[in-house]
C-alpha atoms as a PDB file:
ATOM      1  CA  UNK A   1      -0.075   0.251  -0.122  1.00  0.00           C
ATOM      2  CA  UNK A   2       1.153   3.547  -0.940  1.00  0.00           C
ATOM      3  CA  UNK A   3       1.910   5.932   1.571  1.00  0.00           C
ATOM      4  CA  UNK A   4      -0.292   9.128   1.676  1.00  0.00           C
ATOM      5  CA  UNK A   5       1.454  12.231   0.643  1.00  0.00           C
ATOM      6  CA  UNK A   6       2.479  14.413   3.395  1.00  0.00           C
ATOM      7  CA  UNK A   7       2.390  17.820   1.626  1.00  0.00           C
ATOM      8  CA  UNK A   8       0.127  19.906  -0.645  1.00  0.00           C
ATOM      9  CA  UNK A   9       0.542  18.977  -3.967  1.00  0.00           C
ATOM     10  CA  UNK A  10      -0.754  22.284  -5.497  1.00  0.00           C
ATOM     11  CA  UNK A  11       1.333  24.475  -3.073  1.00  0.00           C
ATOM     12  CA  UNK A  12       4.380  22.414  -4.170  1.00  0.00           C
ATOM     13  CA  UNK A  13       3.384  22.874  -7.804  1.00  0.00           C
ATOM     14  CA  UNK A  14       3.089  26.304  -7.409  1.00  0.00           C
ATOM     15  CA  UNK A  15       6.439  26.923  -5.790  1.00  0.00           C
ATOM     16  CA  UNK A  16       8.037  24.777  -8.826  1.00  0.00           C
ATOM     17  CA  UNK A  17       6.271  27.431 -11.033  1.00  0.00           C
ATOM     18  CA  UNK A  18       7.707  30.012  -9.314  1.00  0.00           C
ATOM     19  CA  UNK A  19      11.263  28.323  -9.234  1.00  0.00           C
ATOM     20  CA  UNK A  20      11.094  27.868 -13.033  1.00  0.00           C
ATOM     21  CA  UNK A  21       9.877  31.504 -13.665  1.00  0.00           C
ATOM     22  CA  UNK A  22      13.040  32.991 -11.769  1.00  0.00           C
ATOM     23  CA  UNK A  23      15.474  30.685 -12.517  1.00  0.00           C
ATOM     24  CA  UNK A  24      14.594  29.190 -16.089  1.00  0.00           C
ATOM     25  CA  UNK A  25      14.621  25.665 -16.844  1.00  0.00           C
ATOM     26  CA  UNK A  26      18.127  24.788 -17.702  1.00  0.00           C
ATOM     27  CA  UNK A  27      19.388  26.861 -14.272  1.00  0.00           C
ATOM     28  CA  UNK A  28      16.685  25.164 -12.064  1.00  0.00           C
ATOM     29  CA  UNK A  29      18.357  22.085 -10.403  1.00  0.00           C
ATOM     30  CA  UNK A  30      16.539  19.275  -8.564  1.00  0.00           C
ATOM     31  CA  UNK A  31      17.918  20.540  -5.135  1.00  0.00           C
ATOM     32  CA  UNK A  32      16.753  24.202  -6.050  1.00  0.00           C
ATOM     33  CA  UNK A  33      12.964  22.608  -6.742  1.00  0.00           C
ATOM     34  CA  UNK A  34      12.950  20.589  -3.454  1.00  0.00           C
ATOM     35  CA  UNK A  35      14.262  23.507  -1.706  1.00  0.00           C
ATOM     36  CA  UNK A  36      11.310  25.889  -3.089  1.00  0.00           C
ATOM     37  CA  UNK A  37       8.821  23.206  -3.056  1.00  0.00           C
ATOM     38  CA  UNK A  38       9.548  22.169   0.416  1.00  0.00           C
ATOM     39  CA  UNK A  39       9.777  18.521  -0.350  1.00  0.00           C
ATOM     40  CA  UNK A  40      12.505  15.956  -0.704  1.00  0.00           C
ATOM     41  CA  UNK A  41      13.910  14.414  -4.134  1.00  0.00           C
ATOM     42  CA  UNK A  42      11.934  10.919  -3.443  1.00  0.00           C
ATOM     43  CA  UNK A  43       8.674  12.885  -3.176  1.00  0.00           C
ATOM     44  CA  UNK A  44       9.363  14.956  -6.269  1.00  0.00           C
ATOM     45  CA  UNK A  45       9.897  11.949  -8.323  1.00  0.00           C
ATOM     46  CA  UNK A  46       7.222   9.830  -6.702  1.00  0.00           C
ATOM     47  CA  UNK A  47       4.681  12.649  -7.035  1.00  0.00           C
ATOM     48  CA  UNK A  48       5.777  14.707 -10.145  1.00  0.00           C
ATOM     49  CA  UNK A  49       8.157  12.467 -12.014  1.00  0.00           C
ATOM     50  CA  UNK A  50      11.524  14.064 -13.392  1.00  0.00           C
ATOM     51  CA  UNK A  51      12.496  17.421 -13.516  1.00  0.00           C
ATOM     52  CA  UNK A  52      11.278  17.626 -17.448  1.00  0.00           C
ATOM     53  CA  UNK A  53       7.804  16.098 -16.418  1.00  0.00           C
ATOM     54  CA  UNK A  54       7.490  18.297 -13.697  1.00  0.00           C
ATOM     55  CA  UNK A  55       8.306  21.336 -15.866  1.00  0.00           C
ATOM     56  CA  UNK A  56       5.556  20.470 -18.307  1.00  0.00           C
ATOM     57  CA  UNK A  57       2.965  19.940 -15.210  1.00  0.00           C
ATOM     58  CA  UNK A  58       4.153  23.280 -13.832  1.00  0.00           C
ATOM     59  CA  UNK A  59       3.726  25.037 -17.304  1.00  0.00           C
ATOM     60  CA  UNK A  60       0.291  23.500 -17.780  1.00  0.00           C
ATOM     61  CA  UNK A  61      -0.748  24.710 -14.268  1.00  0.00           C
ATOM     62  CA  UNK A  62       0.431  28.391 -14.893  1.00  0.00           C
ATOM     63  CA  UNK A  63      -1.303  28.635 -18.338  1.00  0.00           C
ATOM     64  CA  UNK A  64      -4.414  27.210 -16.902  1.00  0.00           C
ATOM     65  CA  UNK A  65      -4.597  29.285 -13.911  1.00  0.00           C
ATOM     66  CA  UNK A  66      -3.090  32.495 -15.474  1.00  0.00           C
ATOM     67  CA  UNK A  67      -3.255  32.644 -19.298  1.00  0.00           C
ATOM     68  CA  UNK A  68      -6.304  30.757 -20.000  1.00  0.00           C
ATOM     69  CA  UNK A  69      -8.204  31.969 -16.931  1.00  0.00           C
ATOM     70  CA  UNK A  70      -7.591  35.787 -17.829  1.00  0.00           C
ATOM     71  CA  UNK A  71      -8.378  35.006 -21.379  1.00  0.00           C
ATOM     72  CA  UNK A  72     -11.874  33.408 -20.546  1.00  0.00           C
ATOM     73  CA  UNK A  73     -12.630  36.191 -18.066  1.00  0.00           C
ATOM     74  CA  UNK A  74     -11.952  38.842 -20.488  1.00  0.00           C
ATOM     75  CA  UNK A  75     -13.662  37.134 -23.573  1.00  0.00           C
ATOM     76  CA  UNK A  76     -16.680  36.235 -21.185  1.00  0.00           C
ATOM     77  CA  UNK A  77     -17.063  39.874 -19.624  1.00  0.00           C
ATOM     78  CA  UNK A  78     -16.166  42.437 -22.022  1.00  0.00           C
ATOM     79  CA  UNK A  79     -17.016  43.327 -25.825  1.00  0.00           C
ATOM     80  CA  UNK A  80     -14.261  41.979 -27.889  1.00  0.00           C
ATOM     81  CA  UNK A  81     -12.431  45.110 -28.867  1.00  0.00           C
ATOM     82  CA  UNK A  82     -12.486  45.983 -25.196  1.00  0.00           C
ATOM     83  CA  UNK A  83     -11.221  42.400 -24.386  1.00  0.00           C
ATOM     84  CA  UNK A  84      -8.105  43.075 -26.629  1.00  0.00           C
ATOM     85  CA  UNK A  85      -7.195  46.410 -25.382  1.00  0.00           C
ATOM     86  CA  UNK A  86      -7.745  45.070 -21.804  1.00  0.00           C
ATOM     87  CA  UNK A  87      -5.269  42.292 -22.209  1.00  0.00           C
ATOM     88  CA  UNK A  88      -2.427  44.317 -23.615  1.00  0.00           C
ATOM     89  CA  UNK A  89      -2.988  46.948 -20.999  1.00  0.00           C
ATOM     90  CA  UNK A  90      -2.785  44.304 -18.323  1.00  0.00           C
ATOM     91  CA  UNK A  91       0.243  42.999 -19.579  1.00  0.00           C
ATOM     92  CA  UNK A  92       1.773  46.587 -19.301  1.00  0.00           C
ATOM     93  CA  UNK A  93       0.575  46.882 -15.876  1.00  0.00           C
ATOM     94  CA  UNK A  94       1.638  43.177 -14.873  1.00  0.00           C
ATOM     95  CA  UNK A  95       4.831  43.862 -16.224  1.00  0.00           C
ATOM     96  CA  UNK A  96       5.637  47.280 -14.633  1.00  0.00           C
ATOM     97  CA  UNK A  97       4.255  45.655 -11.262  1.00  0.00           C
ATOM     98  CA  UNK A  98       6.853  42.956 -11.373  1.00  0.00           C
ATOM     99  CA  UNK A  99       9.858  44.372  -9.191  1.00  0.00           C
ATOM    100  CA  UNK A 100      11.920  41.111  -9.723  1.00  0.00           C
ATOM    101  CA  UNK A 101      11.379  41.219 -13.424  1.00  0.00           C
ATOM    102  CA  UNK A 102      10.753  37.722 -13.457  1.00  0.00           C
ATOM    103  CA  UNK A 103       8.167  37.715 -16.486  1.00  0.00           C
ATOM    104  CA  UNK A 104       6.184  35.312 -17.647  1.00  0.00           C
ATOM    105  CA  UNK A 105       6.804  31.453 -17.235  1.00  0.00           C
ATOM    106  CA  UNK A 106       5.421  30.695 -20.814  1.00  0.00           C
ATOM    107  CA  UNK A 107       7.235  33.583 -22.688  1.00  0.00           C
ATOM    108  CA  UNK A 108      10.343  32.857 -20.566  1.00  0.00           C
ATOM    109  CA  UNK A 109      10.359  29.436 -21.664  1.00  0.00           C
ATOM    110  CA  UNK A 110       9.592  29.981 -25.450  1.00  0.00           C
ATOM    111  CA  UNK A 111      12.740  32.205 -25.336  1.00  0.00           C
ATOM    112  CA  UNK A 112      14.818  29.748 -23.256  1.00  0.00           C
ATOM    113  CA  UNK A 113      13.765  26.167 -24.192  1.00  0.00           C
ATOM    114  CA  UNK A 114      11.726  26.278 -27.469  1.00  0.00           C
ATOM    115  CA  UNK A 115      14.697  26.794 -29.849  1.00  0.00           C
ATOM    116  CA  UNK A 116      16.506  23.917 -28.317  1.00  0.00           C
ATOM    117  CA  UNK A 117      14.078  21.440 -27.413  1.00  0.00           C
ATOM    118  CA  UNK A 118      11.658  20.569 -30.164  1.00  0.00           C
ATOM    119  CA  UNK A 119       9.107  18.752 -27.804  1.00  0.00           C
ATOM    120  CA  UNK A 120       8.833  21.329 -25.238  1.00  0.00           C
ATOM    121  CA  UNK A 121       8.908  23.979 -27.962  1.00  0.00           C
ATOM    122  CA  UNK A 122       5.688  22.127 -29.440  1.00  0.00           C
ATOM    123  CA  UNK A 123       3.932  22.780 -25.840  1.00  0.00           C
ATOM    124  CA  UNK A 124       4.989  26.115 -25.547  1.00  0.00           C
ATOM    125  CA  UNK A 125       3.981  26.901 -29.307  1.00  0.00           C
ATOM    126  CA  UNK A 126       0.447  25.425 -28.567  1.00  0.00           C
ATOM    127  CA  UNK A 127      -0.098  27.341 -25.688  1.00  0.00           C
ATOM    128  CA  UNK A 128       1.057  30.494 -27.235  1.00  0.00           C
ATOM    129  CA  UNK A 129      -1.389  29.508 -29.994  1.00  0.00           C
ATOM    130  CA  UNK A 130      -4.276  29.705 -27.449  1.00  0.00           C
ATOM    131  CA  UNK A 131      -3.431  33.481 -27.009  1.00  0.00           C
ATOM    132  CA  UNK A 132      -3.339  33.915 -30.625  1.00  0.00           C
ATOM    133  CA  UNK A 133      -6.586  32.181 -30.831  1.00  0.00           C
ATOM    134  CA  UNK A 134      -8.422  34.604 -28.363  1.00  0.00           C
ATOM    135  CA  UNK A 135      -6.951  37.575 -30.363  1.00  0.00           C
ATOM    136  CA  UNK A 136      -8.460  35.962 -33.789  1.00  0.00           C
ATOM    137  CA  UNK A 137     -11.911  35.127 -32.230  1.00  0.00           C
ATOM    138  CA  UNK A 138     -11.944  38.676 -30.605  1.00  0.00           C
ATOM    139  CA  UNK A 139     -10.986  40.503 -33.850  1.00  0.00           C
ATOM    140  CA  UNK A 140     -13.636  38.189 -35.923  1.00  0.00           C
ATOM    141  CA  UNK A 141     -16.413  39.052 -33.487  1.00  0.00           C
ATOM    142  CA  UNK A 142     -15.562  42.851 -33.266  1.00  0.00           C
ATOM    143  CA  UNK A 143     -15.294  42.724 -37.015  1.00  0.00           C
ATOM    144  CA  UNK A 144     -18.748  41.196 -37.292  1.00  0.00           C
ATOM    145  CA  UNK A 145     -20.254  43.867 -34.931  1.00  0.00           C
ATOM    146  CA  UNK A 146     -18.516  46.472 -36.946  1.00  0.00           C
ATOM    147  CA  UNK A 147     -16.230  47.897 -34.200  1.00  0.00           C
ATOM    148  CA  UNK A 148     -13.217  46.576 -35.863  1.00  0.00           C
ATOM    149  CA  UNK A 149     -12.515  47.423 -39.619  1.00  0.00           C
ATOM    150  CA  UNK A 150     -13.372  44.295 -41.895  1.00  0.00           C
ATOM    151  CA  UNK A 151     -10.593  45.202 -44.179  1.00  0.00           C
ATOM    152  CA  UNK A 152      -8.042  43.996 -41.670  1.00  0.00           C
ATOM    153  CA  UNK A 153      -7.084  40.133 -42.100  1.00  0.00           C
ATOM    154  CA  UNK A 154      -8.010  38.786 -38.509  1.00  0.00           C
ATOM    155  CA  UNK A 155      -5.183  35.981 -38.679  1.00  0.00           C
ATOM    156  CA  UNK A 156      -2.446  38.555 -39.544  1.00  0.00           C
ATOM    157  CA  UNK A 157      -3.809  41.015 -36.984  1.00  0.00           C
ATOM    158  CA  UNK A 158      -3.996  38.092 -34.329  1.00  0.00           C
ATOM    159  CA  UNK A 159      -0.503  37.380 -35.024  1.00  0.00           C
ATOM    160  CA  UNK A 160       0.504  40.863 -34.766  1.00  0.00           C
ATOM    161  CA  UNK A 161      -0.849  41.301 -31.414  1.00  0.00           C
ATOM    162  CA  UNK A 162       0.544  38.179 -30.105  1.00  0.00           C
ATOM    163  CA  UNK A 163       3.995  39.495 -31.208  1.00  0.00           C
ATOM    164  CA  UNK A 164       3.130  42.842 -29.342  1.00  0.00           C
ATOM    165  CA  UNK A 165       2.562  40.933 -26.396  1.00  0.00           C
ATOM    166  CA  UNK A 166       5.335  38.768 -26.509  1.00  0.00           C
ATOM    167  CA  UNK A 167       7.813  41.697 -27.156  1.00  0.00           C
ATOM    168  CA  UNK A 168       6.074  43.805 -24.232  1.00  0.00           C
ATOM    169  CA  UNK A 169       6.771  40.903 -21.869  1.00  0.00           C
ATOM    170  CA  UNK A 170      10.464  40.624 -23.118  1.00  0.00           C
ATOM    171  CA  UNK A 171      11.126  44.222 -23.328  1.00  0.00           C
ATOM    172  CA  UNK A 172       9.912  44.512 -19.531  1.00  0.00           C
ATOM    173  CA  UNK A 173      12.511  42.277 -18.414  1.00  0.00           C
ATOM    174  CA  UNK A 174      15.438  44.414 -19.269  1.00  0.00           C
ATOM    175  CA  UNK A 175      13.798  47.858 -19.397  1.00  0.00           C
ATOM    176  CA  UNK A 176      10.730  48.186 -17.397  1.00  0.00           C
ATOM    177  CA  UNK A 177       9.722  51.629 -18.138  1.00  0.00           C
ATOM    178  CA  UNK A 178       5.884  52.660 -18.797  1.00  0.00           C
ATOM    179  CA  UNK A 179       6.513  55.134 -21.609  1.00  0.00           C
ATOM    180  CA  UNK A 180       8.286  52.308 -23.562  1.00  0.00           C
ATOM    181  CA  UNK A 181       6.024  49.455 -23.163  1.00  0.00           C
ATOM    182  CA  UNK A 182       2.876  51.901 -23.808  1.00  0.00           C
ATOM    183  CA  UNK A 183       4.730  53.245 -26.916  1.00  0.00           C
ATOM    184  CA  UNK A 184       4.758  49.729 -27.922  1.00  0.00           C
ATOM    185  CA  UNK A 185       1.257  48.597 -27.341  1.00  0.00           C
ATOM    186  CA  UNK A 186      -0.198  51.933 -28.637  1.00  0.00           C
ATOM    187  CA  UNK A 187       0.273  51.690 -32.412  1.00  0.00           C
ATOM    188  CA  UNK A 188      -0.890  48.286 -32.358  1.00  0.00           C
ATOM    189  CA  UNK A 189      -4.087  48.904 -30.476  1.00  0.00           C
ATOM    190  CA  UNK A 190      -4.460  51.984 -32.914  1.00  0.00           C
ATOM    191  CA  UNK A 191      -4.832  49.466 -35.636  1.00  0.00           C
ATOM    192  CA  UNK A 192      -8.132  48.417 -34.074  1.00  0.00           C
ATOM    193  CA  UNK A 193      -9.934  51.631 -34.753  1.00  0.00           C
END
């Protein structure tokens, strides 16, 4: 009979998310993880698998609790054009409010891991595709209601907005200045008019 787990798995996974977000996947050791998570190596391996499996679980939880939850809330509570604007403005505010400049686990991972690891790169690309999908659905809905010009290609504009969002998060890590971030966002949002 298996012994019951003596720790809060969700809290441990949240600690792993923070550890990966701050240090990056490659620089994070099992010792770093067990220290952050407050568990021993045996508990980590028995509960979460190896570092790679733990990272995938951490990324999925991060995306589910942060990215997907935010997109769902915006899509269900705001008109489409306003949902787009709010997401971009929210990214600027979140970036400026991050004193450690840790950034976003998803975007940090896209920069660090995706170019060198095709399997994890595909997982990351799939999740970035969800953000692009949000933009595309919102643009199409706003075009149907007449609040975004129909002449704009929804797929191209969605990809541009994804690029702006990624750029904001990357710029904020090295130069978290409001004028810079808003200056990047403003011309992209002006395309929606």
